[in-house]
Amino acid sequence: METLIRKFKANNINAYMVENRQEAKALALSLIPHQAKIGMGNSLTLRETGIYDSLVSGAYDVIDQFEAGISPEENLKRRKQSLLTDVYLTGTSAITGNGELVNIDGKGNRVAAMMFGPDKVIVVAGKNKIVESEEAAWQRLRQKAAPALAKRLGRSTPCAQTGVCSDCNSPQRICRCYTVIRCQMPADNDRIHVIIVAEDLGL
């Protein structure tokens, strides 16, 4: 794990190791500047750590795209607004042993914000997201994470039934944007912060 932290730092990405979800929550919230405008991606990890509940508690200036009862138009508006926030919090699909962030996304707003827009990005991930290589990351996503997410979301896709990606053309396909963040430019070395939790979190 110490080697992984060094790999991230060599890639101009800040990385931290914490023991549990309580420490992850405390660290993530401590990285948010006072009075910051906050956006967030759809992340089971943020919910499992309690970070999401803290953000929408009223104590923070957060753009909540998941607020119950909002229209699809309002949801899309808030996703766009989140691309220009001070801080963006999210999970990640996989972390490679080389200190890279590998992601599959549907709409693309989450990965767009990770790459450009918000001044600071805070990524929270369980140890189960760590794989050896980029190739192993894609394999994990196709054979485990994406099918499990499609099933959880109630999508009528082949992977939700079989548990394995078939690279389908279903209208309900959730895997449409594939990205890898290998490193940050030197001037951006305080932008991405990755918190790795010594627990299994998310999908």
N, C-alpha and C. Protein backbone atom coordinates (compact mmCIF):
# COMPACT_ATOMS: atom_id res chain seq x y z
N MET A 1 0.82 -1.21 0.00
CA MET A 1 0.00 0.00 0.00
C MET A 1 0.86 1.26 0.00
N GLU A 2 1.97 1.22 0.74
CA GLU A 2 2.88 2.37 0.73
C GLU A 2 3.45 2.60 -0.66
N THR A 3 3.71 1.51 -1.39
CA THR A 3 4.21 1.63 -2.76
C THR A 3 3.16 2.30 -3.64
N LEU A 4 1.89 1.93 -3.46
CA LEU A 4 0.81 2.53 -4.24
C LEU A 4 0.70 4.03 -3.97
N ILE A 5 0.82 4.42 -2.71
CA ILE A 5 0.77 5.84 -2.36
C ILE A 5 1.91 6.59 -3.05
N ARG A 6 3.09 6.00 -3.08
CA ARG A 6 4.22 6.63 -3.76
C ARG A 6 3.98 6.73 -5.26
N LYS A 7 3.36 5.72 -5.84
CA LYS A 7 3.05 5.76 -7.27
C LYS A 7 2.11 6.91 -7.59
N PHE A 8 1.08 7.08 -6.76
CA PHE A 8 0.16 8.20 -6.96
C PHE A 8 0.92 9.53 -6.88
N LYS A 9 1.74 9.68 -5.88
CA LYS A 9 2.46 10.94 -5.71
C LYS A 9 3.40 11.20 -6.88
N ALA A 10 4.00 10.15 -7.43
CA ALA A 10 4.85 10.31 -8.61
C ALA A 10 4.04 10.77 -9.81
N ASN A 11 2.73 10.48 -9.78
CA ASN A 11 1.82 10.90 -10.85
C ASN A 11 1.16 12.25 -10.56
N ASN A 12 1.70 12.97 -9.55
CA ASN A 12 1.15 14.27 -9.15
C ASN A 12 -0.29 14.16 -8.65
N ILE A 13 -0.61 13.04 -8.02
CA ILE A 13 -1.91 12.81 -7.41
C ILE A 13 -1.70 12.54 -5.93
N ASN A 14 -2.40 13.29 -5.08
CA ASN A 14 -2.28 13.09 -3.64
C ASN A 14 -3.03 11.82 -3.24
N ALA A 15 -2.44 11.03 -2.37
CA ALA A 15 -3.08 9.78 -1.95
C ALA A 15 -2.88 9.57 -0.45
N TYR A 16 -3.89 8.98 0.17
CA TYR A 16 -3.90 8.75 1.61
C TYR A 16 -4.44 7.35 1.88
N MET A 17 -3.97 6.74 2.96
CA MET A 17 -4.48 5.44 3.38
C MET A 17 -5.12 5.58 4.75
N VAL A 18 -6.37 5.14 4.89
CA VAL A 18 -7.05 5.18 6.18
C VAL A 18 -7.56 3.78 6.51
N GLU A 19 -7.80 3.53 7.78
CA GLU A 19 -8.15 2.19 8.23
C GLU A 19 -9.61 1.82 8.02
N ASN A 20 -10.51 2.81 8.10
CA ASN A 20 -11.93 2.48 8.04
C ASN A 20 -12.74 3.63 7.45
N ARG A 21 -14.04 3.39 7.28
CA ARG A 21 -14.91 4.37 6.63
C ARG A 21 -15.10 5.62 7.49
N GLN A 22 -14.99 5.48 8.80
CA GLN A 22 -15.11 6.66 9.67
C GLN A 22 -13.94 7.61 9.46
N GLU A 23 -12.73 7.05 9.34
CA GLU A 23 -11.56 7.87 9.07
C GLU A 23 -11.63 8.49 7.67
N ALA A 24 -12.17 7.74 6.74
CA ALA A 24 -12.31 8.25 5.36
C ALA A 24 -13.24 9.45 5.35
N LYS A 25 -14.34 9.35 6.05
CA LYS A 25 -15.30 10.46 6.11
C LYS A 25 -14.66 11.69 6.74
N ALA A 26 -13.97 11.50 7.85
CA ALA A 26 -13.34 12.64 8.54
C ALA A 26 -12.30 13.31 7.64
N LEU A 27 -11.50 12.51 6.96
CA LEU A 27 -10.46 13.07 6.09
C LEU A 27 -11.07 13.78 4.90
N ALA A 28 -12.05 13.17 4.25
CA ALA A 28 -12.68 13.78 3.08
C ALA A 28 -13.28 15.14 3.43
N LEU A 29 -14.01 15.20 4.52
CA LEU A 29 -14.65 16.45 4.92
C LEU A 29 -13.62 17.50 5.31
N SER A 30 -12.48 17.06 5.87
CA SER A 30 -11.43 18.01 6.27
C SER A 30 -10.74 18.64 5.06
N LEU A 31 -10.82 17.97 3.91
CA LEU A 31 -10.19 18.49 2.70
C LEU A 31 -11.05 19.52 1.96
N ILE A 32 -12.28 19.72 2.43
CA ILE A 32 -13.18 20.67 1.79
C ILE A 32 -12.96 22.06 2.38
N PRO A 33 -12.58 23.05 1.58
CA PRO A 33 -12.36 24.40 2.09
C PRO A 33 -13.66 25.01 2.62
N HIS A 34 -13.52 25.93 3.53
CA HIS A 34 -14.68 26.62 4.11
C HIS A 34 -15.45 27.36 3.04
N GLN A 35 -16.77 27.21 3.06
CA GLN A 35 -17.69 27.88 2.15
C GLN A 35 -17.53 27.44 0.69
N ALA A 36 -16.97 26.27 0.47
CA ALA A 36 -16.80 25.77 -0.90
C ALA A 36 -18.13 25.32 -1.49
N LYS A 37 -18.30 25.55 -2.78
CA LYS A 37 -19.42 25.00 -3.53
C LYS A 37 -19.03 23.57 -3.92
N ILE A 38 -19.93 22.61 -3.62
CA ILE A 38 -19.57 21.20 -3.75
C ILE A 38 -20.47 20.48 -4.75
N GLY A 39 -19.86 19.67 -5.59
CA GLY A 39 -20.57 18.76 -6.48
C GLY A 39 -20.17 17.33 -6.13
N MET A 40 -20.94 16.37 -6.60
CA MET A 40 -20.59 14.97 -6.31
C MET A 40 -21.14 14.04 -7.37
N GLY A 41 -20.43 12.94 -7.57
CA GLY A 41 -20.85 11.93 -8.51
C GLY A 41 -21.66 10.86 -7.81
N ASN A 42 -22.34 10.04 -8.60
CA ASN A 42 -23.11 8.94 -8.03
C ASN A 42 -22.14 7.88 -7.54
N SER A 43 -22.12 7.64 -6.24
CA SER A 43 -21.12 6.75 -5.67
C SER A 43 -21.70 6.02 -4.46
N LEU A 44 -21.73 4.69 -4.55
CA LEU A 44 -22.15 3.89 -3.41
C LEU A 44 -21.16 4.05 -2.26
N THR A 45 -19.89 4.25 -2.58
CA THR A 45 -18.87 4.43 -1.55
C THR A 45 -19.13 5.69 -0.72
N LEU A 46 -19.53 6.79 -1.37
CA LEU A 46 -19.84 8.01 -0.62
C LEU A 46 -21.00 7.78 0.33
N ARG A 47 -21.93 6.94 -0.06
CA ARG A 47 -23.08 6.65 0.81
C ARG A 47 -22.68 5.71 1.94
N GLU A 48 -21.88 4.70 1.65
CA GLU A 48 -21.48 3.73 2.67
C GLU A 48 -20.58 4.34 3.73
N THR A 49 -19.81 5.36 3.37
CA THR A 49 -18.93 6.02 4.34
C THR A 49 -19.66 7.11 5.14
N GLY A 50 -20.88 7.45 4.75
CA GLY A 50 -21.61 8.52 5.42
C GLY A 50 -21.27 9.90 4.91
N ILE A 51 -20.40 9.97 3.89
CA ILE A 51 -20.00 11.26 3.34
C ILE A 51 -21.19 11.94 2.68
N TYR A 52 -21.96 11.18 1.92
CA TYR A 52 -23.13 11.75 1.23
C TYR A 52 -24.10 12.37 2.23
N ASP A 53 -24.42 11.64 3.29
CA ASP A 53 -25.36 12.16 4.29
C ASP A 53 -24.85 13.45 4.93
N SER A 54 -23.55 13.52 5.16
CA SER A 54 -22.97 14.74 5.74
C SER A 54 -23.09 15.91 4.77
N LEU A 55 -22.84 15.66 3.51
CA LEU A 55 -22.87 16.73 2.51
C LEU A 55 -24.26 17.32 2.35
N VAL A 56 -25.29 16.48 2.43
CA VAL A 56 -26.67 16.96 2.22
C VAL A 56 -27.37 17.30 3.53
N SER A 57 -26.61 17.36 4.61
CA SER A 57 -27.21 17.62 5.93
C SER A 57 -27.63 19.07 6.13
N GLY A 58 -27.17 19.95 5.25
CA GLY A 58 -27.46 21.37 5.39
C GLY A 58 -26.25 22.17 5.85
N ALA A 59 -25.20 21.46 6.24
CA ALA A 59 -23.99 22.13 6.72
C ALA A 59 -23.07 22.55 5.58
N TYR A 60 -23.34 22.07 4.38
CA TYR A 60 -22.47 22.36 3.25
C TYR A 60 -23.28 22.94 2.09
N ASP A 61 -22.59 23.70 1.24
CA ASP A 61 -23.20 24.29 0.05
C ASP A 61 -23.01 23.29 -1.09
N VAL A 62 -23.94 22.34 -1.20
CA VAL A 62 -23.78 21.23 -2.13
C VAL A 62 -24.85 21.26 -3.21
N ILE A 63 -24.46 20.90 -4.41
CA ILE A 63 -25.40 20.73 -5.52
C ILE A 63 -25.83 19.27 -5.51
N ASP A 64 -27.04 19.00 -5.08
CA ASP A 64 -27.51 17.63 -4.90
C ASP A 64 -28.34 17.18 -6.10
N GLN A 65 -27.71 16.49 -7.00
CA GLN A 65 -28.41 15.99 -8.18
C GLN A 65 -29.31 14.79 -7.85
N PHE A 66 -29.16 14.27 -6.63
CA PHE A 66 -29.92 13.09 -6.22
C PHE A 66 -31.13 13.43 -5.35
N GLU A 67 -31.41 14.72 -5.21
CA GLU A 67 -32.54 15.12 -4.39
C GLU A 67 -33.84 14.51 -4.91
N ALA A 68 -34.60 13.91 -4.02
CA ALA A 68 -35.84 13.24 -4.40
C ALA A 68 -36.84 14.25 -4.94
N GLY A 69 -37.53 13.87 -6.02
CA GLY A 69 -38.62 14.69 -6.55
C GLY A 69 -38.23 15.69 -7.61
N ILE A 70 -36.93 15.89 -7.86
CA ILE A 70 -36.56 16.86 -8.89
C ILE A 70 -36.81 16.26 -10.27
N SER A 71 -37.06 17.12 -11.25
CA SER A 71 -37.34 16.67 -12.62
C SER A 71 -36.06 16.24 -13.32
N PRO A 72 -36.17 15.46 -14.40
CA PRO A 72 -34.98 15.12 -15.19
C PRO A 72 -34.24 16.36 -15.69
N GLU A 73 -34.98 17.39 -16.02
CA GLU A 73 -34.36 18.64 -16.49
C GLU A 73 -33.54 19.29 -15.38
N GLU A 74 -34.08 19.29 -14.17
CA GLU A 74 -33.35 19.86 -13.03
C GLU A 74 -32.14 19.01 -12.69
N ASN A 75 -32.29 17.70 -12.80
CA ASN A 75 -31.17 16.80 -12.54
C ASN A 75 -30.02 17.09 -13.50
N LEU A 76 -30.34 17.24 -14.79
CA LEU A 76 -29.31 17.53 -15.78
C LEU A 76 -28.67 18.88 -15.53
N LYS A 77 -29.47 19.86 -15.15
CA LYS A 77 -28.95 21.20 -14.83
C LYS A 77 -27.95 21.12 -13.69
N ARG A 78 -28.27 20.35 -12.66
CA ARG A 78 -27.37 20.25 -11.51
C ARG A 78 -26.10 19.48 -11.86
N ARG A 79 -26.20 18.49 -12.72
CA ARG A 79 -24.99 17.79 -13.16
C ARG A 79 -24.04 18.75 -13.87
N LYS A 80 -24.59 19.61 -14.70
CA LYS A 80 -23.77 20.58 -15.41
C LYS A 80 -23.15 21.59 -14.44
N GLN A 81 -23.95 22.05 -13.48
CA GLN A 81 -23.44 23.01 -12.50
C GLN A 81 -22.29 22.42 -11.68
N SER A 82 -22.35 21.11 -11.44
CA SER A 82 -21.32 20.46 -10.63
C SER A 82 -19.95 20.46 -11.30
N LEU A 83 -19.93 20.67 -12.63
CA LEU A 83 -18.66 20.68 -13.34
C LEU A 83 -17.83 21.93 -13.06
N LEU A 84 -18.45 22.94 -12.45
CA LEU A 84 -17.75 24.19 -12.16
C LEU A 84 -17.72 24.50 -10.66
N THR A 85 -17.77 23.48 -9.84
CA THR A 85 -17.74 23.67 -8.40
C THR A 85 -16.31 23.82 -7.88
N ASP A 86 -16.20 24.22 -6.62
CA ASP A 86 -14.88 24.31 -5.98
C ASP A 86 -14.33 22.93 -5.67
N VAL A 87 -15.22 22.02 -5.25
CA VAL A 87 -14.81 20.67 -4.85
C VAL A 87 -15.79 19.66 -5.42
N TYR A 88 -15.27 18.55 -5.91
CA TYR A 88 -16.10 17.47 -6.43
C TYR A 88 -15.71 16.18 -5.73
N LEU A 89 -16.69 15.48 -5.16
CA LEU A 89 -16.43 14.22 -4.47
C LEU A 89 -17.03 13.07 -5.26
N THR A 90 -16.32 11.95 -5.31
CA THR A 90 -16.78 10.81 -6.07
C THR A 90 -16.04 9.55 -5.64
N GLY A 91 -16.51 8.43 -6.12
CA GLY A 91 -15.77 7.19 -6.00
C GLY A 91 -14.99 6.97 -7.29
N THR A 92 -14.46 5.77 -7.47
CA THR A 92 -13.79 5.42 -8.72
C THR A 92 -14.07 3.96 -9.00
N SER A 93 -14.00 3.59 -10.27
CA SER A 93 -14.30 2.21 -10.65
C SER A 93 -13.15 1.27 -10.31
N ALA A 94 -11.92 1.73 -10.50
CA ALA A 94 -10.76 0.89 -10.19
C ALA A 94 -9.53 1.74 -10.01
N ILE A 95 -8.58 1.21 -9.25
CA ILE A 95 -7.28 1.84 -9.02
C ILE A 95 -6.22 0.83 -9.41
N THR A 96 -5.28 1.23 -10.26
CA THR A 96 -4.22 0.30 -10.65
C THR A 96 -3.02 0.42 -9.72
N GLY A 97 -2.18 -0.60 -9.76
CA GLY A 97 -0.97 -0.60 -8.96
C GLY A 97 0.02 0.46 -9.37
N ASN A 98 -0.21 1.07 -10.53
CA ASN A 98 0.65 2.16 -11.00
C ASN A 98 0.14 3.53 -10.58
N GLY A 99 -0.90 3.57 -9.73
CA GLY A 99 -1.43 4.84 -9.28
C GLY A 99 -2.28 5.54 -10.32
N GLU A 100 -3.14 4.79 -10.99
CA GLU A 100 -4.02 5.33 -12.02
C GLU A 100 -5.48 5.11 -11.62
N LEU A 101 -6.35 5.99 -12.10
CA LEU A 101 -7.79 5.89 -11.85
C LEU A 101 -8.48 5.47 -13.13
N VAL A 102 -9.14 4.33 -13.10
CA VAL A 102 -9.81 3.78 -14.28
C VAL A 102 -11.32 3.80 -14.02
N ASN A 103 -12.06 4.35 -14.99
CA ASN A 103 -13.49 4.52 -14.78
C ASN A 103 -14.33 4.21 -16.00
N ILE A 104 -15.52 3.67 -15.74
CA ILE A 104 -16.57 3.55 -16.74
C ILE A 104 -17.74 4.37 -16.26
N ASP A 105 -18.35 5.13 -17.15
CA ASP A 105 -19.45 6.01 -16.77
C ASP A 105 -20.54 5.94 -17.84
N GLY A 106 -21.74 6.34 -17.47
CA GLY A 106 -22.85 6.33 -18.40
C GLY A 106 -23.01 7.64 -19.13
N LYS A 107 -23.40 8.68 -18.40
CA LYS A 107 -23.60 10.00 -18.99
C LYS A 107 -22.28 10.71 -19.27
N GLY A 108 -21.30 10.48 -18.39
CA GLY A 108 -19.99 11.09 -18.57
C GLY A 108 -19.71 12.28 -17.69
N ASN A 109 -20.71 12.76 -16.96
CA ASN A 109 -20.49 13.95 -16.13
C ASN A 109 -19.52 13.68 -14.99
N ARG A 110 -19.57 12.47 -14.43
CA ARG A 110 -18.68 12.15 -13.30
C ARG A 110 -17.22 12.13 -13.74
N VAL A 111 -16.93 11.43 -14.83
CA VAL A 111 -15.54 11.36 -15.28
C VAL A 111 -15.07 12.69 -15.84
N ALA A 112 -15.99 13.46 -16.41
CA ALA A 112 -15.62 14.80 -16.91
C ALA A 112 -15.15 15.67 -15.76
N ALA A 113 -15.88 15.63 -14.64
CA ALA A 113 -15.51 16.44 -13.48
C ALA A 113 -14.20 15.97 -12.87
N MET A 114 -13.94 14.68 -12.91
CA MET A 114 -12.68 14.17 -12.37
C MET A 114 -11.50 14.70 -13.18
N MET A 115 -11.68 14.85 -14.49
CA MET A 115 -10.58 15.24 -15.35
C MET A 115 -10.39 16.74 -15.45
N PHE A 116 -11.50 17.51 -15.42
CA PHE A 116 -11.37 18.95 -15.64
C PHE A 116 -12.61 19.67 -15.12
N GLY A 117 -12.40 20.86 -14.54
CA GLY A 117 -13.53 21.68 -14.09
C GLY A 117 -13.40 22.07 -12.64
N PRO A 118 -13.85 21.22 -11.72
CA PRO A 118 -13.74 21.55 -10.30
C PRO A 118 -12.29 21.80 -9.88
N ASP A 119 -12.11 22.72 -8.95
CA ASP A 119 -10.75 23.05 -8.49
C ASP A 119 -10.10 21.91 -7.74
N LYS A 120 -10.91 21.14 -7.01
CA LYS A 120 -10.38 20.02 -6.23
C LYS A 120 -11.30 18.83 -6.41
N VAL A 121 -10.71 17.64 -6.56
CA VAL A 121 -11.46 16.40 -6.68
C VAL A 121 -11.03 15.45 -5.56
N ILE A 122 -12.00 14.97 -4.80
CA ILE A 122 -11.73 14.03 -3.71
C ILE A 122 -12.34 12.69 -4.08
N VAL A 123 -11.49 11.69 -4.26
CA VAL A 123 -11.91 10.35 -4.65
C VAL A 123 -11.78 9.44 -3.44
N VAL A 124 -12.85 8.71 -3.13
CA VAL A 124 -12.83 7.78 -2.00
C VAL A 124 -13.06 6.37 -2.53
N ALA A 125 -12.20 5.43 -2.15
CA ALA A 125 -12.30 4.07 -2.69
C ALA A 125 -11.89 3.04 -1.65
N GLY A 126 -12.61 1.91 -1.65
CA GLY A 126 -12.23 0.80 -0.80
C GLY A 126 -11.09 0.01 -1.41
N LYS A 127 -10.45 -0.81 -0.61
CA LYS A 127 -9.30 -1.59 -1.08
C LYS A 127 -9.68 -2.60 -2.16
N ASN A 128 -10.97 -2.94 -2.24
CA ASN A 128 -11.43 -3.87 -3.26
C ASN A 128 -11.33 -3.30 -4.67
N LYS A 129 -11.14 -1.98 -4.78
CA LYS A 129 -11.02 -1.36 -6.10
C LYS A 129 -9.60 -1.45 -6.67
N ILE A 130 -8.64 -1.93 -5.87
CA ILE A 130 -7.25 -1.98 -6.30
C ILE A 130 -6.98 -3.23 -7.14
N VAL A 131 -6.41 -3.02 -8.32
CA VAL A 131 -6.01 -4.12 -9.20
C VAL A 131 -4.58 -3.91 -9.65
N GLU A 132 -4.00 -4.93 -10.26
CA GLU A 132 -2.59 -4.85 -10.61
C GLU A 132 -2.30 -3.88 -11.75
N SER A 133 -3.15 -3.88 -12.77
CA SER A 133 -2.84 -3.14 -13.99
C SER A 133 -4.10 -2.56 -14.62
N GLU A 134 -3.90 -1.75 -15.67
CA GLU A 134 -5.05 -1.21 -16.38
C GLU A 134 -5.87 -2.33 -17.03
N GLU A 135 -5.19 -3.32 -17.57
CA GLU A 135 -5.89 -4.46 -18.18
C GLU A 135 -6.76 -5.16 -17.14
N ALA A 136 -6.21 -5.35 -15.94
CA ALA A 136 -6.97 -5.99 -14.87
C ALA A 136 -8.15 -5.12 -14.43
N ALA A 137 -7.98 -3.81 -14.54
CA ALA A 137 -9.06 -2.89 -14.18
C ALA A 137 -10.24 -3.07 -15.12
N TRP A 138 -9.97 -3.10 -16.43
CA TRP A 138 -11.06 -3.29 -17.39
C TRP A 138 -11.72 -4.64 -17.20
N GLN A 139 -10.93 -5.65 -16.88
CA GLN A 139 -11.49 -6.97 -16.65
C GLN A 139 -12.40 -6.96 -15.42
N ARG A 140 -11.97 -6.29 -14.37
CA ARG A 140 -12.79 -6.19 -13.16
C ARG A 140 -14.11 -5.49 -13.46
N LEU A 141 -14.04 -4.42 -14.21
CA LEU A 141 -15.24 -3.64 -14.49
C LEU A 141 -16.22 -4.43 -15.36
N ARG A 142 -15.70 -5.15 -16.34
CA ARG A 142 -16.57 -5.89 -17.26
C ARG A 142 -17.16 -7.14 -16.59
N GLN A 143 -16.40 -7.77 -15.73
CA GLN A 143 -16.83 -9.04 -15.16
C GLN A 143 -17.49 -8.92 -13.80
N LYS A 144 -17.38 -7.75 -13.17
CA LYS A 144 -17.93 -7.65 -11.82
C LYS A 144 -18.68 -6.34 -11.58
N ALA A 145 -17.97 -5.22 -11.62
CA ALA A 145 -18.55 -3.96 -11.15
C ALA A 145 -19.72 -3.48 -12.01
N ALA A 146 -19.52 -3.40 -13.32
CA ALA A 146 -20.57 -2.87 -14.18
C ALA A 146 -21.82 -3.74 -14.19
N PRO A 147 -21.70 -5.07 -14.33
CA PRO A 147 -22.91 -5.89 -14.26
C PRO A 147 -23.64 -5.77 -12.92
N ALA A 148 -22.88 -5.70 -11.83
CA ALA A 148 -23.51 -5.57 -10.51
C ALA A 148 -24.24 -4.24 -10.39
N LEU A 149 -23.66 -3.17 -10.95
CA LEU A 149 -24.31 -1.87 -10.90
C LEU A 149 -25.57 -1.85 -11.76
N ALA A 150 -25.49 -2.45 -12.94
CA ALA A 150 -26.66 -2.50 -13.82
C ALA A 150 -27.81 -3.24 -13.14
N LYS A 151 -27.48 -4.32 -12.47
CA LYS A 151 -28.50 -5.09 -11.75
C LYS A 151 -29.07 -4.29 -10.60
N ARG A 152 -28.20 -3.58 -9.87
CA ARG A 152 -28.65 -2.77 -8.74
C ARG A 152 -29.58 -1.64 -9.18
N LEU A 153 -29.31 -1.10 -10.36
CA LEU A 153 -30.12 -0.02 -10.89
C LEU A 153 -31.39 -0.51 -11.59
N GLY A 154 -31.54 -1.83 -11.69
CA GLY A 154 -32.72 -2.39 -12.31
C GLY A 154 -32.74 -2.25 -13.82
N ARG A 155 -31.56 -2.20 -14.44
CA ARG A 155 -31.50 -2.04 -15.88
C ARG A 155 -31.77 -3.36 -16.60
N SER A 156 -32.42 -3.27 -17.73
CA SER A 156 -32.69 -4.45 -18.56
C SER A 156 -31.57 -4.62 -19.58
N THR A 157 -30.42 -5.00 -19.10
CA THR A 157 -29.27 -5.22 -19.96
C THR A 157 -28.83 -6.68 -19.84
N PRO A 158 -28.15 -7.20 -20.86
CA PRO A 158 -27.69 -8.59 -20.77
C PRO A 158 -26.81 -8.85 -19.54
N CYS A 159 -25.94 -7.89 -19.20
CA CYS A 159 -25.03 -8.11 -18.07
C CYS A 159 -25.76 -8.21 -16.74
N ALA A 160 -26.91 -7.53 -16.63
CA ALA A 160 -27.70 -7.61 -15.40
C ALA A 160 -28.25 -9.01 -15.20
N GLN A 161 -28.41 -9.74 -16.31
CA GLN A 161 -28.94 -11.10 -16.25
C GLN A 161 -27.81 -12.13 -16.11
N THR A 162 -26.70 -11.91 -16.86
CA THR A 162 -25.64 -12.92 -16.90
C THR A 162 -24.51 -12.66 -15.91
N GLY A 163 -24.36 -11.40 -15.50
CA GLY A 163 -23.26 -11.05 -14.60
C GLY A 163 -21.96 -10.75 -15.30
N VAL A 164 -21.97 -10.76 -16.64
CA VAL A 164 -20.75 -10.49 -17.42
C VAL A 164 -21.10 -9.57 -18.58
N CYS A 165 -20.25 -8.58 -18.84
CA CYS A 165 -20.47 -7.65 -19.94
C CYS A 165 -20.40 -8.36 -21.28
N SER A 166 -21.35 -8.03 -22.16
CA SER A 166 -21.34 -8.57 -23.52
C SER A 166 -21.17 -7.45 -24.55
N ASP A 167 -20.77 -6.26 -24.07
CA ASP A 167 -20.59 -5.10 -24.93
C ASP A 167 -21.85 -4.86 -25.77
N CYS A 168 -22.98 -4.80 -25.06
CA CYS A 168 -24.29 -4.75 -25.71
C CYS A 168 -24.58 -3.37 -26.31
N ASN A 169 -25.67 -3.31 -27.02
CA ASN A 169 -26.16 -2.06 -27.58
C ASN A 169 -27.52 -1.71 -26.99
N SER A 170 -27.73 -2.11 -25.76
CA SER A 170 -29.01 -1.87 -25.10
C SER A 170 -29.21 -0.38 -24.84
N PRO A 171 -30.44 0.13 -25.01
CA PRO A 171 -30.72 1.52 -24.68
C PRO A 171 -30.46 1.84 -23.21
N GLN A 172 -30.48 0.81 -22.36
CA GLN A 172 -30.25 1.01 -20.93
C GLN A 172 -28.81 0.74 -20.51
N ARG A 173 -27.93 0.62 -21.48
CA ARG A 173 -26.51 0.38 -21.20
C ARG A 173 -25.95 1.49 -20.30
N ILE A 174 -25.18 1.11 -19.27
CA ILE A 174 -24.60 2.10 -18.36
C ILE A 174 -23.13 2.37 -18.66
N CYS A 175 -22.52 1.55 -19.53
CA CYS A 175 -21.09 1.68 -19.82
C CYS A 175 -20.91 2.39 -21.15
N ARG A 176 -20.72 3.69 -21.13
CA ARG A 176 -20.62 4.45 -22.37
C ARG A 176 -19.35 5.30 -22.46
N CYS A 177 -18.78 5.66 -21.33
CA CYS A 177 -17.59 6.51 -21.31
C CYS A 177 -16.48 5.79 -20.54
N TYR A 178 -15.33 5.58 -21.19
CA TYR A 178 -14.23 4.84 -20.61
C TYR A 178 -13.03 5.79 -20.46
N THR A 179 -12.52 5.94 -19.25
CA THR A 179 -11.43 6.90 -19.04
C THR A 179 -10.33 6.32 -18.13
N VAL A 180 -9.13 6.83 -18.33
CA VAL A 180 -8.00 6.51 -17.45
C VAL A 180 -7.30 7.82 -17.11
N ILE A 181 -7.15 8.10 -15.83
CA ILE A 181 -6.34 9.24 -15.39
C ILE A 181 -5.01 8.67 -14.93
N ARG A 182 -3.99 8.87 -15.74
CA ARG A 182 -2.67 8.31 -15.43
C ARG A 182 -1.85 9.24 -14.55
N CYS A 183 -2.00 10.55 -14.76
CA CYS A 183 -1.23 11.51 -13.98
C CYS A 183 -1.84 12.89 -14.16
N GLN A 184 -1.38 13.82 -13.32
CA GLN A 184 -1.79 15.21 -13.42
C GLN A 184 -0.59 16.06 -13.82
N MET A 185 -0.85 17.17 -14.48
CA MET A 185 0.23 18.11 -14.79
C MET A 185 0.81 18.65 -13.48
N PRO A 186 2.09 18.99 -13.48
CA PRO A 186 2.73 19.49 -12.25
C PRO A 186 1.98 20.64 -11.61
N ALA A 187 1.41 21.54 -12.42
CA ALA A 187 0.69 22.68 -11.86
C ALA A 187 -0.60 22.27 -11.17
N ASP A 188 -1.08 21.06 -11.44
CA ASP A 188 -2.33 20.57 -10.86
C ASP A 188 -2.10 19.57 -9.73
N ASN A 189 -0.91 19.58 -9.14
CA ASN A 189 -0.57 18.53 -8.19
C ASN A 189 -1.32 18.57 -6.88
N ASP A 190 -2.13 19.59 -6.66
CA ASP A 190 -2.96 19.62 -5.45
C ASP A 190 -4.44 19.47 -5.80
N ARG A 191 -4.73 19.01 -7.01
CA ARG A 191 -6.12 18.95 -7.45
C ARG A 191 -6.82 17.65 -7.06
N ILE A 192 -6.25 16.50 -7.42
CA ILE A 192 -6.89 15.22 -7.13
C ILE A 192 -6.33 14.63 -5.84
N HIS A 193 -7.25 14.24 -4.97
CA HIS A 193 -6.90 13.62 -3.69
C HIS A 193 -7.61 12.27 -3.61
N VAL A 194 -6.87 11.20 -3.48
CA VAL A 194 -7.42 9.85 -3.44
C VAL A 194 -7.31 9.28 -2.03
N ILE A 195 -8.45 8.95 -1.44
CA ILE A 195 -8.49 8.35 -0.10
C ILE A 195 -8.78 6.87 -0.26
N ILE A 196 -7.83 6.02 0.10
CA ILE A 196 -7.99 4.59 0.01
C ILE A 196 -8.31 4.02 1.39
N VAL A 197 -9.40 3.28 1.47
CA VAL A 197 -9.89 2.76 2.75
C VAL A 197 -9.57 1.27 2.84
N ALA A 198 -9.07 0.84 3.98
CA ALA A 198 -8.71 -0.57 4.17
C ALA A 198 -9.94 -1.41 4.48
N GLU A 199 -10.99 -1.17 3.71
CA GLU A 199 -12.23 -1.94 3.78
C GLU A 199 -12.74 -2.12 2.36
N ASP A 200 -13.62 -3.10 2.17
CA ASP A 200 -14.30 -3.24 0.88
C ASP A 200 -15.49 -2.30 0.86
N LEU A 201 -15.55 -1.42 -0.15
CA LEU A 201 -16.62 -0.45 -0.27
C LEU A 201 -17.07 -0.36 -1.72
N GLY A 202 -18.35 -0.10 -1.93
CA GLY A 202 -18.86 0.08 -3.27
C GLY A 202 -18.86 -1.23 -4.06
N LEU A 203 -18.97 -1.09 -5.37
CA LEU A 203 -19.04 -2.25 -6.25
C LEU A 203 -17.72 -2.48 -7.00
